[in-house]
Amino acid sequence: MIELEKECSQMKPFITPRITLHGKKLFEFQVEGVRTDNLHSVLINQKVSAYWMPDSHNFKAAWKFILIFDNDTGIEFSSACTAVVDWEEIGSLNMLFVSAAAGHLGMTESEKRQDIRPSLPVRGMEKIVYEGNDFITECGVAILGHDGSEIIITTGISPGSVSILTAFSKNTFEPEFPLSSCKRKACWT
C-alpha cells in the first residue's frame, strides 16, 4: 500500500533549476506526497485501474491527469514551465500522490473516472529525460507493466500540460520533446 506523506505544499507552476557540474540547468521532477527516493518502490506491484482528467482535457494536452491505483491512491500529473534562456521555456514533470477516495481528486459529478480493463500491474518506472545545449529536463515517466505495456506521461507542447501515450490514448500523443530525442533512465530503486 502506498503511504502518503501528511504534509504537502502546492506544486509550483515553475521551478528553480540546479546547475550541473557541466554548467547546464537541471530541471528535476517535483514530487509530493511520497519521498522522491521512494517513488519507484511505492509503485511496484500496484495496479493502475483507472484514469481521470477534466472533461475539457484530452490525451494530447491535459493540465491535470490522474492515474488511479486499485488501492484508491493516485498520481496527479501536471507540468511546470520555466524560462531557460531569454524567451525559451521548457517543461518539467510534476507528480502529486493523492488519495483517490471520493472528494480528494476534485472530480465533479459530470467528470467520472474511466476504468482500465484489465488493470495494469506495475513492474517499474523509468524517467524520460531531454538534454538541450543549456539544460536537462526530467520531462516524463514511463510506467511499465508486467505484460510489456506501458503508460507514458510527458510534458506537453502547451505550457503546464502533459501528453499521454498508452493503449487507450487513441494516438493523440504530442510531447514537448520527441521521444526519439529523449533518454530513458531507471528510476530510483
Protein backbone atom coordinates (compact mmCIF):
# COMPACT_ATOMS: atom_id res chain seq x y z
CA MET A 1 0.00 0.00 0.00
CA ILE A 2 1.24 3.50 -0.83
CA GLU A 3 1.85 5.50 2.30
CA LEU A 4 1.17 9.16 1.56
CA GLU A 5 3.04 11.91 3.37
CA LYS A 6 0.80 14.08 5.50
CA GLU A 7 2.27 17.49 4.65
CA CYS A 8 2.08 18.63 1.03
CA SER A 9 2.79 22.07 -0.33
CA GLN A 10 1.25 23.24 -3.57
CA MET A 11 3.01 22.35 -6.83
CA LYS A 12 4.74 25.36 -8.34
CA PRO A 13 4.00 26.33 -11.97
CA PHE A 14 7.78 26.84 -12.44
CA ILE A 15 10.87 25.55 -10.68
CA THR A 16 14.32 26.82 -9.78
CA PRO A 17 16.86 24.57 -11.50
CA ARG A 18 20.05 23.20 -10.05
CA ILE A 19 23.26 23.68 -12.04
CA THR A 20 25.12 20.50 -13.08
CA LEU A 21 28.90 20.08 -12.91
CA HIS A 22 28.90 20.82 -16.67
CA GLY A 23 27.10 24.14 -16.19
CA LYS A 24 23.69 23.05 -17.50
CA LYS A 25 20.44 23.90 -15.76
CA LEU A 26 18.80 20.74 -14.36
CA PHE A 27 15.01 20.76 -14.14
CA GLU A 28 14.04 17.85 -11.89
CA PHE A 29 10.63 16.33 -11.18
CA GLN A 30 8.53 17.93 -8.49
CA VAL A 31 7.19 15.05 -6.40
CA GLU A 32 4.82 15.49 -3.47
CA GLY A 33 3.01 13.02 -1.26
CA VAL A 34 5.88 10.48 -1.14
CA ARG A 35 9.62 10.88 -0.77
CA THR A 36 11.32 11.06 -4.17
CA ASP A 37 13.75 8.28 -3.26
CA ASN A 38 10.75 6.01 -2.51
CA LEU A 39 8.89 6.75 -5.75
CA HIS A 40 9.91 3.58 -7.57
CA SER A 41 9.37 1.25 -4.63
CA VAL A 42 5.87 2.55 -3.81
CA LEU A 43 4.69 1.81 -7.36
CA ILE A 44 5.99 -1.76 -7.68
CA ASN A 45 3.13 -4.27 -7.81
CA GLN A 46 0.44 -1.60 -7.64
CA LYS A 47 -2.27 -1.94 -10.30
CA VAL A 48 -3.35 1.00 -12.44
CA SER A 49 -7.12 0.55 -12.54
CA ALA A 50 -8.44 3.89 -13.84
CA TYR A 51 -7.59 7.38 -15.01
CA TRP A 52 -9.26 10.76 -14.76
CA MET A 53 -8.91 14.17 -16.39
CA PRO A 54 -11.34 17.08 -16.67
CA ASP A 55 -13.90 16.69 -19.47
CA SER A 56 -12.40 19.57 -21.47
CA HIS A 57 -8.91 17.96 -21.49
CA ASN A 58 -7.61 15.14 -23.71
CA PHE A 59 -4.59 12.82 -24.05
CA LYS A 60 -2.84 15.33 -26.33
CA ALA A 61 -2.96 18.13 -23.72
CA ALA A 62 -4.21 17.72 -20.16
CA TRP A 63 -3.40 20.20 -17.42
CA LYS A 64 -4.44 17.62 -14.85
CA PHE A 65 -4.24 13.87 -15.46
CA ILE A 66 -4.61 11.32 -12.66
CA LEU A 67 -3.73 7.63 -12.73
CA ILE A 68 -5.71 5.74 -10.09
CA PHE A 69 -4.46 2.54 -8.45
CA ASP A 70 -6.60 -0.30 -7.15
CA ASN A 71 -5.77 0.66 -3.54
CA ASP A 72 -7.54 4.03 -4.04
CA THR A 73 -4.42 6.15 -4.27
CA GLY A 74 -3.42 8.04 -7.38
CA ILE A 75 -0.78 10.18 -9.04
CA GLU A 76 -1.84 13.58 -10.35
CA PHE A 77 0.37 14.67 -13.26
CA SER A 78 0.92 18.24 -14.45
CA SER A 79 3.97 20.16 -15.59
CA ALA A 80 5.97 23.21 -14.59
CA CYS A 81 7.02 25.67 -17.29
CA THR A 82 10.27 27.54 -16.61
CA ALA A 83 12.35 30.05 -18.58
CA VAL A 84 15.76 28.70 -19.62
CA VAL A 85 17.41 31.38 -21.76
CA ASP A 86 15.77 34.63 -22.92
CA TRP A 87 12.23 33.66 -24.10
CA GLU A 88 12.87 29.91 -24.27
CA GLU A 89 10.69 27.99 -21.81
CA ILE A 90 10.70 24.27 -21.10
CA GLY A 91 8.55 21.91 -19.09
CA SER A 92 9.37 19.50 -16.29
CA LEU A 93 7.01 16.93 -14.82
CA ASN A 94 5.04 17.32 -11.57
CA MET A 95 3.71 14.29 -9.67
CA LEU A 96 1.39 14.62 -6.70
CA PHE A 97 0.39 11.43 -4.87
CA VAL A 98 -3.21 11.71 -3.69
CA SER A 99 -5.93 9.68 -2.04
CA ALA A 100 -8.45 8.65 -4.68
CA ALA A 101 -11.26 8.40 -2.13
CA ALA A 102 -14.36 10.41 -3.02
CA GLY A 103 -13.77 14.15 -2.88
CA HIS A 104 -9.96 14.10 -2.86
CA LEU A 105 -9.44 14.25 -6.62
CA GLY A 106 -11.52 17.35 -7.26
CA MET A 107 -13.87 15.49 -9.63
CA THR A 108 -17.30 16.91 -10.25
CA GLU A 109 -20.33 14.68 -10.75
CA SER A 110 -20.03 15.15 -14.53
CA GLU A 111 -16.37 14.13 -14.55
CA LYS A 112 -16.18 10.39 -13.98
CA ARG A 113 -13.10 8.26 -13.77
CA GLN A 114 -12.52 5.89 -16.67
CA ASP A 115 -11.76 2.31 -15.69
CA ILE A 116 -8.88 0.46 -17.37
CA ARG A 117 -9.66 -3.18 -18.17
CA PRO A 118 -7.72 -5.21 -17.47
CA SER A 119 -5.84 -3.22 -14.85
CA LEU A 120 -2.10 -2.74 -15.39
CA PRO A 121 0.17 -4.34 -12.75
CA VAL A 122 3.25 -2.10 -12.39
CA ARG A 123 6.70 -3.71 -12.60
CA GLY A 124 8.71 -0.49 -12.71
CA MET A 125 9.11 3.10 -13.74
CA GLU A 126 11.61 4.95 -15.93
CA LYS A 127 12.44 8.65 -16.17
CA ILE A 128 12.25 10.31 -19.56
CA VAL A 129 14.98 12.94 -19.82
CA TYR A 130 15.71 15.51 -22.54
CA GLU A 131 19.08 17.25 -22.78
CA GLY A 132 19.45 20.52 -24.69
CA ASN A 133 22.51 22.74 -25.13
CA ASP A 134 21.86 24.70 -21.94
CA PHE A 135 19.62 22.44 -19.88
CA ILE A 136 18.50 18.95 -18.86
CA THR A 137 14.85 18.33 -18.02
CA GLU A 138 13.10 15.38 -16.41
CA CYS A 139 10.17 15.76 -18.77
CA GLY A 140 8.34 12.46 -18.36
CA VAL A 141 7.91 8.99 -16.96
CA ALA A 142 7.14 5.57 -18.37
CA ILE A 143 5.14 3.33 -16.05
CA LEU A 144 5.99 -0.23 -17.07
CA GLY A 145 3.53 -3.11 -16.88
CA HIS A 146 4.38 -6.77 -16.23
CA ASP A 147 2.91 -7.64 -19.65
CA GLY A 148 5.26 -5.29 -21.54
CA SER A 149 2.70 -2.50 -21.89
CA GLU A 150 3.44 0.98 -20.62
CA ILE A 151 1.86 4.33 -19.87
CA ILE A 152 4.00 7.32 -20.87
CA ILE A 153 3.27 10.75 -19.43
CA THR A 154 5.40 13.68 -20.65
CA THR A 155 5.28 17.44 -20.65
CA GLY A 156 3.03 18.66 -23.43
CA ILE A 157 3.54 21.36 -26.04
CA SER A 158 1.16 23.78 -24.30
CA PRO A 159 2.76 25.26 -21.14
CA GLY A 160 1.70 23.42 -17.98
CA SER A 161 0.17 20.47 -19.85
CA VAL A 162 1.02 16.81 -20.07
CA SER A 163 0.56 14.43 -23.00
CA ILE A 164 -0.22 10.75 -22.52
CA LEU A 165 0.70 7.73 -24.64
CA THR A 166 -0.82 4.34 -23.90
CA ALA A 167 -3.06 1.71 -25.44
CA PHE A 168 -6.18 3.74 -24.58
CA SER A 169 -4.93 7.21 -25.67
CA LYS A 170 -6.20 6.95 -29.26
CA ASN A 171 -2.93 8.09 -30.97
CA THR A 172 -3.13 11.73 -29.86
CA PHE A 173 0.30 11.92 -28.18
CA GLU A 174 2.12 15.26 -28.65
CA PRO A 175 5.08 15.52 -26.25
CA GLU A 176 7.06 18.73 -25.82
CA PHE A 177 10.21 16.82 -26.84
CA PRO A 178 10.11 13.88 -29.32
CA LEU A 179 10.68 10.58 -27.51
CA SER A 180 13.36 9.74 -30.09
CA SER A 181 15.39 12.72 -28.75
CA CYS A 182 14.99 11.68 -25.11
CA LYS A 183 16.80 9.17 -22.94
CA ARG A 184 15.11 6.73 -20.61
CA LYS A 185 16.72 6.11 -17.26
CA ALA A 186 15.86 3.74 -14.45
CA CYS A 187 14.10 5.49 -11.62
CA TRP A 188 15.08 5.15 -8.04
CA THR A 189 15.49 1.59 -6.83
